[in-house]
Amino acid sequence: MPDHLHMLVEGLAPDARFRPMVTFAKQRLAVVAPCRLWQRGYYERVLRTDEHTLVVSAYILANPVRAGLVSSAHDYPFSFSIEHGKEFG
C-alpha cells in the first residue's frame, strides 16, 4: 500500500519477541529508504487459533486489489510473501 505497510510475522522460537523485531525492521528499512517512513505507533494483532496463516497472508496480499491500485495481486510491485513465494516471487 502506498501509505502503510502490512506484515505478517511468526515467532519461531519460544522466546521470540515482537517489539525487538519491529525495532530491527524499522532500523533496517530506514537505511534504504529515501525518506522518513515511520509514524510513532503501529497496530498489532495476534491471530486466533482458528485463523490460518495462509488465509491471512492471502488477504494481506489482496489489499492493493481491494484498494483499486492493481487488477491482480501479482501486479503489485511491493508485495512479497515467503509462503506464497512461487506465486509472488
PDB file of N, CA and C in Angstrom:
ATOM      1  N   MET A   1       0.848  -1.170   0.000  1.00  0.00           N
ATOM      2  CA  MET A   1       0.000   0.000   0.000  1.00  0.00           C
ATOM      3  C   MET A   1       0.898   1.239   0.000  1.00  0.00           C
ATOM      4  N   PRO A   2       0.509   2.293  -0.671  1.00  0.00           N
ATOM      5  CA  PRO A   2       1.408   3.435  -0.791  1.00  0.00           C
ATOM      6  C   PRO A   2       1.651   4.190   0.506  1.00  0.00           C
ATOM      7  N   ASP A   3       0.747   4.085   1.460  1.00  0.00           N
ATOM      8  CA  ASP A   3       0.897   4.889   2.672  1.00  0.00           C
ATOM      9  C   ASP A   3       1.016   4.076   3.952  1.00  0.00           C
ATOM     10  N   HIS A   4       1.089   2.762   3.852  1.00  0.00           N
ATOM     11  CA  HIS A   4       1.291   1.950   5.046  1.00  0.00           C
ATOM     12  C   HIS A   4       1.787   0.558   4.669  1.00  0.00           C
ATOM     13  N   LEU A   5       2.190  -0.189   5.671  1.00  0.00           N
ATOM     14  CA  LEU A   5       2.805  -1.490   5.480  1.00  0.00           C
ATOM     15  C   LEU A   5       2.034  -2.532   6.271  1.00  0.00           C
ATOM     16  N   HIS A   6       1.805  -3.675   5.654  1.00  0.00           N
ATOM     17  CA  HIS A   6       1.235  -4.819   6.346  1.00  0.00           C
ATOM     18  C   HIS A   6       2.308  -5.884   6.429  1.00  0.00           C
ATOM     19  N   MET A   7       2.520  -6.423   7.618  1.00  0.00           N
ATOM     20  CA  MET A   7       3.469  -7.511   7.787  1.00  0.00           C
ATOM     21  C   MET A   7       2.798  -8.606   8.591  1.00  0.00           C
ATOM     22  N   LEU A   8       2.992  -9.822   8.180  1.00  0.00           N
ATOM     23  CA  LEU A   8       2.538 -10.976   8.938  1.00  0.00           C
ATOM     24  C   LEU A   8       3.797 -11.712   9.344  1.00  0.00           C
ATOM     25  N   VAL A   9       4.076 -11.733  10.625  1.00  0.00           N
ATOM     26  CA  VAL A   9       5.303 -12.359  11.114  1.00  0.00           C
ATOM     27  C   VAL A   9       4.947 -13.446  12.117  1.00  0.00           C
ATOM     28  N   GLU A  10       5.834 -14.424  12.195  1.00  0.00           N
ATOM     29  CA  GLU A  10       5.638 -15.530  13.120  1.00  0.00           C
ATOM     30  C   GLU A  10       6.924 -15.751  13.896  1.00  0.00           C
ATOM     31  N   GLY A  11       6.817 -15.743  15.211  1.00  0.00           N
ATOM     32  CA  GLY A  11       7.969 -16.055  16.046  1.00  0.00           C
ATOM     33  C   GLY A  11       8.206 -17.555  16.034  1.00  0.00           C
ATOM     34  N   LEU A  12       9.403 -17.965  15.698  1.00  0.00           N
ATOM     35  CA  LEU A  12       9.690 -19.389  15.574  1.00  0.00           C
ATOM     36  C   LEU A  12      10.317 -19.991  16.821  1.00  0.00           C
ATOM     37  N   ALA A  13      10.797 -19.148  17.719  1.00  0.00           N
ATOM     38  CA  ALA A  13      11.418 -19.633  18.954  1.00  0.00           C
ATOM     39  C   ALA A  13      10.504 -19.314  20.133  1.00  0.00           C
ATOM     40  N   PRO A  14      10.555 -20.101  21.174  1.00  0.00           N
ATOM     41  CA  PRO A  14       9.709 -19.841  22.336  1.00  0.00           C
ATOM     42  C   PRO A  14       9.955 -18.467  22.967  1.00  0.00           C
ATOM     43  N   ASP A  15      11.176 -17.941  22.814  1.00  0.00           N
ATOM     44  CA  ASP A  15      11.495 -16.642  23.409  1.00  0.00           C
ATOM     45  C   ASP A  15      11.414 -15.499  22.391  1.00  0.00           C
ATOM     46  N   ALA A  16      10.787 -15.725  21.249  1.00  0.00           N
ATOM     47  CA  ALA A  16      10.655 -14.680  20.232  1.00  0.00           C
ATOM     48  C   ALA A  16       9.837 -13.517  20.790  1.00  0.00           C
ATOM     49  N   ARG A  17      10.273 -12.307  20.499  1.00  0.00           N
ATOM     50  CA  ARG A  17       9.600 -11.101  20.996  1.00  0.00           C
ATOM     51  C   ARG A  17       9.274 -10.185  19.833  1.00  0.00           C
ATOM     52  N   PHE A  18       8.076  -9.625  19.835  1.00  0.00           N
ATOM     53  CA  PHE A  18       7.585  -8.816  18.731  1.00  0.00           C
ATOM     54  C   PHE A  18       8.246  -7.444  18.679  1.00  0.00           C
ATOM     55  N   ARG A  19       8.282  -6.730  19.780  1.00  0.00           N
ATOM     56  CA  ARG A  19       8.796  -5.355  19.766  1.00  0.00           C
ATOM     57  C   ARG A  19      10.242  -5.237  19.303  1.00  0.00           C
ATOM     58  N   PRO A  20      11.144  -6.100  19.758  1.00  0.00           N
ATOM     59  CA  PRO A  20      12.513  -6.021  19.215  1.00  0.00           C
ATOM     60  C   PRO A  20      12.562  -6.280  17.703  1.00  0.00           C
ATOM     61  N   MET A  21      11.691  -7.159  17.201  1.00  0.00           N
ATOM     62  CA  MET A  21      11.647  -7.408  15.761  1.00  0.00           C
ATOM     63  C   MET A  21      11.191  -6.156  15.019  1.00  0.00           C
ATOM     64  N   VAL A  22      10.182  -5.446  15.545  1.00  0.00           N
ATOM     65  CA  VAL A  22       9.704  -4.219  14.912  1.00  0.00           C
ATOM     66  C   VAL A  22      10.812  -3.173  14.909  1.00  0.00           C
ATOM     67  N   THR A  23      11.503  -3.028  16.024  1.00  0.00           N
ATOM     68  CA  THR A  23      12.610  -2.077  16.113  1.00  0.00           C
ATOM     69  C   THR A  23      13.683  -2.401  15.075  1.00  0.00           C
ATOM     70  N   PHE A  24      14.048  -3.662  14.966  1.00  0.00           N
ATOM     71  CA  PHE A  24      15.051  -4.096  13.995  1.00  0.00           C
ATOM     72  C   PHE A  24      14.588  -3.807  12.569  1.00  0.00           C
ATOM     73  N   ALA A  25      13.340  -4.136  12.256  1.00  0.00           N
ATOM     74  CA  ALA A  25      12.812  -3.903  10.904  1.00  0.00           C
ATOM     75  C   ALA A  25      12.809  -2.415  10.574  1.00  0.00           C
ATOM     76  N   LYS A  26      12.411  -1.587  11.522  1.00  0.00           N
ATOM     77  CA  LYS A  26      12.400  -0.140  11.289  1.00  0.00           C
ATOM     78  C   LYS A  26      13.807   0.386  11.032  1.00  0.00           C
ATOM     79  N   GLN A  27      14.773  -0.087  11.803  1.00  0.00           N
ATOM     80  CA  GLN A  27      16.150   0.365  11.623  1.00  0.00           C
ATOM     81  C   GLN A  27      16.694  -0.051  10.263  1.00  0.00           C
ATOM     82  N   ARG A  28      16.456  -1.296   9.867  1.00  0.00           N
ATOM     83  CA  ARG A  28      16.962  -1.792   8.585  1.00  0.00           C
ATOM     84  C   ARG A  28      16.323  -1.068   7.404  1.00  0.00           C
ATOM     85  N   LEU A  29      15.012  -0.873   7.456  1.00  0.00           N
ATOM     86  CA  LEU A  29      14.322  -0.217   6.352  1.00  0.00           C
ATOM     87  C   LEU A  29      14.666   1.265   6.271  1.00  0.00           C
ATOM     88  N   ALA A  30      14.948   1.889   7.402  1.00  0.00           N
ATOM     89  CA  ALA A  30      15.304   3.306   7.402  1.00  0.00           C
ATOM     90  C   ALA A  30      16.622   3.549   6.666  1.00  0.00           C
ATOM     91  N   VAL A  31      17.493   2.569   6.664  1.00  0.00           N
ATOM     92  CA  VAL A  31      18.784   2.704   5.997  1.00  0.00           C
ATOM     93  C   VAL A  31      18.611   2.812   4.482  1.00  0.00           C
ATOM     94  N   VAL A  32      17.656   2.096   3.928  1.00  0.00           N
ATOM     95  CA  VAL A  32      17.492   2.068   2.477  1.00  0.00           C
ATOM     96  C   VAL A  32      16.412   3.014   1.965  1.00  0.00           C
ATOM     97  N   ALA A  33      15.643   3.597   2.856  1.00  0.00           N
ATOM     98  CA  ALA A  33      14.532   4.464   2.437  1.00  0.00           C
ATOM     99  C   ALA A  33      15.020   5.870   2.117  1.00  0.00           C
ATOM    100  N   PRO A  34      14.494   6.464   1.057  1.00  0.00           N
ATOM    101  CA  PRO A  34      14.904   7.820   0.702  1.00  0.00           C
ATOM    102  C   PRO A  34      14.195   8.904   1.526  1.00  0.00           C
ATOM    103  N   CYS A  35      13.263   8.513   2.388  1.00  0.00           N
ATOM    104  CA  CYS A  35      12.507   9.492   3.169  1.00  0.00           C
ATOM    105  C   CYS A  35      12.108   8.883   4.512  1.00  0.00           C
ATOM    106  N   ARG A  36      11.523   9.706   5.347  1.00  0.00           N
ATOM    107  CA  ARG A  36      11.044   9.240   6.651  1.00  0.00           C
ATOM    108  C   ARG A  36       9.867   8.300   6.440  1.00  0.00           C
ATOM    109  N   LEU A  37       9.920   7.118   7.068  1.00  0.00           N
ATOM    110  CA  LEU A  37       8.904   6.107   6.848  1.00  0.00           C
ATOM    111  C   LEU A  37       7.910   5.938   7.996  1.00  0.00           C
ATOM    112  N   TRP A  38       8.328   6.148   9.190  1.00  0.00           N
ATOM    113  CA  TRP A  38       7.576   5.635  10.321  1.00  0.00           C
ATOM    114  C   TRP A  38       6.823   6.706  11.090  1.00  0.00           C
ATOM    115  N   GLN A  39       5.603   6.366  11.475  1.00  0.00           N
ATOM    116  CA  GLN A  39       4.871   7.188  12.431  1.00  0.00           C
ATOM    117  C   GLN A  39       5.212   6.664  13.822  1.00  0.00           C
ATOM    118  N   ARG A  40       4.678   7.274  14.849  1.00  0.00           N
ATOM    119  CA  ARG A  40       5.060   6.901  16.216  1.00  0.00           C
ATOM    120  C   ARG A  40       4.604   5.500  16.599  1.00  0.00           C
ATOM    121  N   GLY A  41       3.407   5.117  16.249  1.00  0.00           N
ATOM    122  CA  GLY A  41       2.892   3.837  16.712  1.00  0.00           C
ATOM    123  C   GLY A  41       2.619   2.866  15.578  1.00  0.00           C
ATOM    124  N   TYR A  42       2.085   1.750  15.947  1.00  0.00           N
ATOM    125  CA  TYR A  42       1.683   0.752  14.971  1.00  0.00           C
ATOM    126  C   TYR A  42       0.543  -0.051  15.574  1.00  0.00           C
ATOM    127  N   TYR A  43      -0.127  -0.780  14.736  1.00  0.00           N
ATOM    128  CA  TYR A  43      -1.222  -1.623  15.181  1.00  0.00           C
ATOM    129  C   TYR A  43      -0.781  -3.059  15.040  1.00  0.00           C
ATOM    130  N   GLU A  44      -0.922  -3.819  16.092  1.00  0.00           N
ATOM    131  CA  GLU A  44      -0.579  -5.233  16.027  1.00  0.00           C
ATOM    132  C   GLU A  44      -1.804  -6.063  16.382  1.00  0.00           C
ATOM    133  N   ARG A  45      -1.875  -7.223  15.805  1.00  0.00           N
ATOM    134  CA  ARG A  45      -2.981  -8.126  16.089  1.00  0.00           C
ATOM    135  C   ARG A  45      -2.439  -9.543  16.103  1.00  0.00           C
ATOM    136  N   VAL A  46      -2.828 -10.310  17.105  1.00  0.00           N
ATOM    137  CA  VAL A  46      -2.415 -11.695  17.217  1.00  0.00           C
ATOM    138  C   VAL A  46      -3.485 -12.559  16.554  1.00  0.00           C
ATOM    139  N   LEU A  47      -3.049 -13.498  15.715  1.00  0.00           N
ATOM    140  CA  LEU A  47      -4.007 -14.382  15.066  1.00  0.00           C
ATOM    141  C   LEU A  47      -4.631 -15.331  16.080  1.00  0.00           C
ATOM    142  N   ARG A  48      -5.910 -15.554  15.908  1.00  0.00           N
ATOM    143  CA  ARG A  48      -6.603 -16.528  16.755  1.00  0.00           C
ATOM    144  C   ARG A  48      -6.221 -17.929  16.289  1.00  0.00           C
ATOM    145  N   THR A  49      -6.432 -18.905  17.148  1.00  0.00           N
ATOM    146  CA  THR A  49      -6.039 -20.277  16.807  1.00  0.00           C
ATOM    147  C   THR A  49      -6.819 -20.818  15.619  1.00  0.00           C
ATOM    148  N   ASP A  50      -8.015 -20.277  15.358  1.00  0.00           N
ATOM    149  CA  ASP A  50      -8.801 -20.767  14.224  1.00  0.00           C
ATOM    150  C   ASP A  50      -8.487 -20.028  12.919  1.00  0.00           C
ATOM    151  N   GLU A  51      -7.574 -19.068  12.953  1.00  0.00           N
ATOM    152  CA  GLU A  51      -7.184 -18.329  11.751  1.00  0.00           C
ATOM    153  C   GLU A  51      -5.954 -18.994  11.130  1.00  0.00           C
ATOM    154  N   HIS A  52      -6.030 -19.275   9.859  1.00  0.00           N
ATOM    155  CA  HIS A  52      -4.919 -19.915   9.161  1.00  0.00           C
ATOM    156  C   HIS A  52      -4.002 -18.850   8.562  1.00  0.00           C
ATOM    157  N   THR A  53      -2.723 -19.023   8.772  1.00  0.00           N
ATOM    158  CA  THR A  53      -1.726 -18.049   8.330  1.00  0.00           C
ATOM    159  C   THR A  53      -1.809 -17.783   6.830  1.00  0.00           C
ATOM    160  N   LEU A  54      -1.968 -18.822   6.023  1.00  0.00           N
ATOM    161  CA  LEU A  54      -2.024 -18.624   4.573  1.00  0.00           C
ATOM    162  C   LEU A  54      -3.261 -17.827   4.157  1.00  0.00           C
ATOM    163  N   VAL A  55      -4.363 -18.009   4.851  1.00  0.00           N
ATOM    164  CA  VAL A  55      -5.576 -17.251   4.539  1.00  0.00           C
ATOM    165  C   VAL A  55      -5.363 -15.776   4.866  1.00  0.00           C
ATOM    166  N   VAL A  56      -4.754 -15.512   6.012  1.00  0.00           N
ATOM    167  CA  VAL A  56      -4.487 -14.128   6.413  1.00  0.00           C
ATOM    168  C   VAL A  56      -3.476 -13.484   5.470  1.00  0.00           C
ATOM    169  N   SER A  57      -2.430 -14.222   5.087  1.00  0.00           N
ATOM    170  CA  SER A  57      -1.447 -13.647   4.168  1.00  0.00           C
ATOM    171  C   SER A  57      -2.064 -13.380   2.794  1.00  0.00           C
ATOM    172  N   ALA A  58      -2.941 -14.252   2.330  1.00  0.00           N
ATOM    173  CA  ALA A  58      -3.619 -14.015   1.052  1.00  0.00           C
ATOM    174  C   ALA A  58      -4.496 -12.767   1.137  1.00  0.00           C
ATOM    175  N   TYR A  59      -5.137 -12.554   2.274  1.00  0.00           N
ATOM    176  CA  TYR A  59      -5.950 -11.353   2.473  1.00  0.00           C
ATOM    177  C   TYR A  59      -5.071 -10.099   2.394  1.00  0.00           C
ATOM    178  N   ILE A  60      -3.919 -10.141   3.052  1.00  0.00           N
ATOM    179  CA  ILE A  60      -2.998  -9.001   3.032  1.00  0.00           C
ATOM    180  C   ILE A  60      -2.506  -8.748   1.614  1.00  0.00           C
ATOM    181  N   LEU A  61      -2.124  -9.801   0.907  1.00  0.00           N
ATOM    182  CA  LEU A  61      -1.614  -9.644  -0.456  1.00  0.00           C
ATOM    183  C   LEU A  61      -2.674  -9.103  -1.415  1.00  0.00           C
ATOM    184  N   ALA A  62      -3.951  -9.297  -1.092  1.00  0.00           N
ATOM    185  CA  ALA A  62      -5.030  -8.804  -1.947  1.00  0.00           C
ATOM    186  C   ALA A  62      -5.410  -7.353  -1.633  1.00  0.00           C
ATOM    187  N   ASN A  63      -4.817  -6.742  -0.617  1.00  0.00           N
ATOM    188  CA  ASN A  63      -5.147  -5.354  -0.262  1.00  0.00           C
ATOM    189  C   ASN A  63      -5.003  -4.371  -1.422  1.00  0.00           C
ATOM    190  N   PRO A  64      -3.945  -4.428  -2.221  1.00  0.00           N
ATOM    191  CA  PRO A  64      -3.833  -3.478  -3.344  1.00  0.00           C
ATOM    192  C   PRO A  64      -4.961  -3.637  -4.373  1.00  0.00           C
ATOM    193  N   VAL A  65      -5.488  -4.842  -4.511  1.00  0.00           N
ATOM    194  CA  VAL A  65      -6.610  -5.061  -5.425  1.00  0.00           C
ATOM    195  C   VAL A  65      -7.865  -4.400  -4.854  1.00  0.00           C
ATOM    196  N   ARG A  66      -8.132  -4.633  -3.578  1.00  0.00           N
ATOM    197  CA  ARG A  66      -9.304  -4.017  -2.940  1.00  0.00           C
ATOM    198  C   ARG A  66      -9.209  -2.495  -2.936  1.00  0.00           C
ATOM    199  N   ALA A  67      -7.988  -1.963  -2.880  1.00  0.00           N
ATOM    200  CA  ALA A  67      -7.796  -0.509  -2.896  1.00  0.00           C
ATOM    201  C   ALA A  67      -7.870   0.056  -4.312  1.00  0.00           C
ATOM    202  N   GLY A  68      -7.970  -0.806  -5.319  1.00  0.00           N
ATOM    203  CA  GLY A  68      -8.060  -0.347  -6.694  1.00  0.00           C
ATOM    204  C   GLY A  68      -6.727   0.052  -7.307  1.00  0.00           C
ATOM    205  N   LEU A  69      -5.625  -0.357  -6.712  1.00  0.00           N
ATOM    206  CA  LEU A  69      -4.304   0.003  -7.222  1.00  0.00           C
ATOM    207  C   LEU A  69      -3.873  -0.871  -8.396  1.00  0.00           C
ATOM    208  N   VAL A  70      -4.295  -2.125  -8.384  1.00  0.00           N
ATOM    209  CA  VAL A  70      -3.977  -3.081  -9.443  1.00  0.00           C
ATOM    210  C   VAL A  70      -5.183  -3.999  -9.643  1.00  0.00           C
ATOM    211  N   SER A  71      -5.214  -4.688 -10.764  1.00  0.00           N
ATOM    212  CA  SER A  71      -6.325  -5.609 -11.005  1.00  0.00           C
ATOM    213  C   SER A  71      -6.018  -7.011 -10.484  1.00  0.00           C
ATOM    214  N   SER A  72      -4.743  -7.310 -10.273  1.00  0.00           N
ATOM    215  CA  SER A  72      -4.325  -8.603  -9.747  1.00  0.00           C
ATOM    216  C   SER A  72      -3.265  -8.375  -8.677  1.00  0.00           C
ATOM    217  N   ALA A  73      -3.330  -9.138  -7.602  1.00  0.00           N
ATOM    218  CA  ALA A  73      -2.330  -9.001  -6.535  1.00  0.00           C
ATOM    219  C   ALA A  73      -0.920  -9.265  -7.060  1.00  0.00           C
ATOM    220  N   HIS A  74      -0.801 -10.067  -8.089  1.00  0.00           N
ATOM    221  CA  HIS A  74       0.511 -10.368  -8.684  1.00  0.00           C
ATOM    222  C   HIS A  74       1.132  -9.145  -9.351  1.00  0.00           C
ATOM    223  N   ASP A  75       0.313  -8.157  -9.683  1.00  0.00           N
ATOM    224  CA  ASP A  75       0.808  -6.967 -10.377  1.00  0.00           C
ATOM    225  C   ASP A  75       1.348  -5.889  -9.436  1.00  0.00           C
ATOM    226  N   TYR A  76       1.116  -6.039  -8.144  1.00  0.00           N
ATOM    227  CA  TYR A  76       1.574  -5.011  -7.208  1.00  0.00           C
ATOM    228  C   TYR A  76       3.062  -5.206  -6.940  1.00  0.00           C
ATOM    229  N   PRO A  77       3.907  -4.236  -7.288  1.00  0.00           N
ATOM    230  CA  PRO A  77       5.355  -4.451  -7.248  1.00  0.00           C
ATOM    231  C   PRO A  77       5.952  -4.538  -5.841  1.00  0.00           C
ATOM    232  N   PHE A  78       5.207  -4.171  -4.823  1.00  0.00           N
ATOM    233  CA  PHE A  78       5.772  -4.146  -3.476  1.00  0.00           C
ATOM    234  C   PHE A  78       5.299  -5.303  -2.616  1.00  0.00           C
ATOM    235  N   SER A  79       4.648  -6.291  -3.205  1.00  0.00           N
ATOM    236  CA  SER A  79       4.191  -7.461  -2.458  1.00  0.00           C
ATOM    237  C   SER A  79       5.301  -8.493  -2.378  1.00  0.00           C
ATOM    238  N   PHE A  80       5.369  -9.136  -1.232  1.00  0.00           N
ATOM    239  CA  PHE A  80       6.336 -10.203  -1.031  1.00  0.00           C
ATOM    240  C   PHE A  80       5.771 -11.171  -0.013  1.00  0.00           C
ATOM    241  N   SER A  81       5.931 -12.447  -0.271  1.00  0.00           N
ATOM    242  CA  SER A  81       5.492 -13.465   0.663  1.00  0.00           C
ATOM    243  C   SER A  81       6.407 -14.662   0.548  1.00  0.00           C
ATOM    244  N   ILE A  82       6.902 -15.128   1.658  1.00  0.00           N
ATOM    245  CA  ILE A  82       7.694 -16.355   1.654  1.00  0.00           C
ATOM    246  C   ILE A  82       6.777 -17.540   1.419  1.00  0.00           C
ATOM    247  N   GLU A  83       5.642 -17.572   2.091  1.00  0.00           N
ATOM    248  CA  GLU A  83       4.698 -18.687   1.950  1.00  0.00           C
ATOM    249  C   GLU A  83       4.093 -18.742   0.561  1.00  0.00           C
ATOM    250  N   HIS A  84       3.837 -17.603  -0.042  1.00  0.00           N
ATOM    251  CA  HIS A  84       3.275 -17.538  -1.383  1.00  0.00           C
ATOM    252  C   HIS A  84       4.374 -17.251  -2.398  1.00  0.00           C
ATOM    253  N   GLY A  85       5.608 -17.597  -2.071  1.00  0.00           N
ATOM    254  CA  GLY A  85       6.757 -17.231  -2.877  1.00  0.00           C
ATOM    255  C   GLY A  85       6.669 -17.613  -4.337  1.00  0.00           C
ATOM    256  N   LYS A  86       6.177 -18.803  -4.615  1.00  0.00           N
ATOM    257  CA  LYS A  86       6.095 -19.232  -6.009  1.00  0.00           C
ATOM    258  C   LYS A  86       5.096 -18.373  -6.773  1.00  0.00           C
ATOM    259  N   GLU A  87       4.069 -17.903  -6.072  1.00  0.00           N
ATOM    260  CA  GLU A  87       3.068 -17.068  -6.716  1.00  0.00           C
ATOM    261  C   GLU A  87       3.544 -15.635  -6.875  1.00  0.00           C
ATOM    262  N   PHE A  88       4.314 -15.128  -5.892  1.00  0.00           N
ATOM    263  CA  PHE A  88       4.690 -13.716  -5.880  1.00  0.00           C
ATOM    264  C   PHE A  88       6.172 -13.505  -6.078  1.00  0.00           C
ATOM    265  N   GLY A  89       6.947 -14.558  -6.266  1.00  0.00           N
ATOM    266  CA  GLY A  89       8.401 -14.390  -6.373  1.00  0.00           C
ATOM    267  C   GLY A  89       8.855 -14.026  -7.749  1.00  0.00           C
TER     268      GLY A  89
END
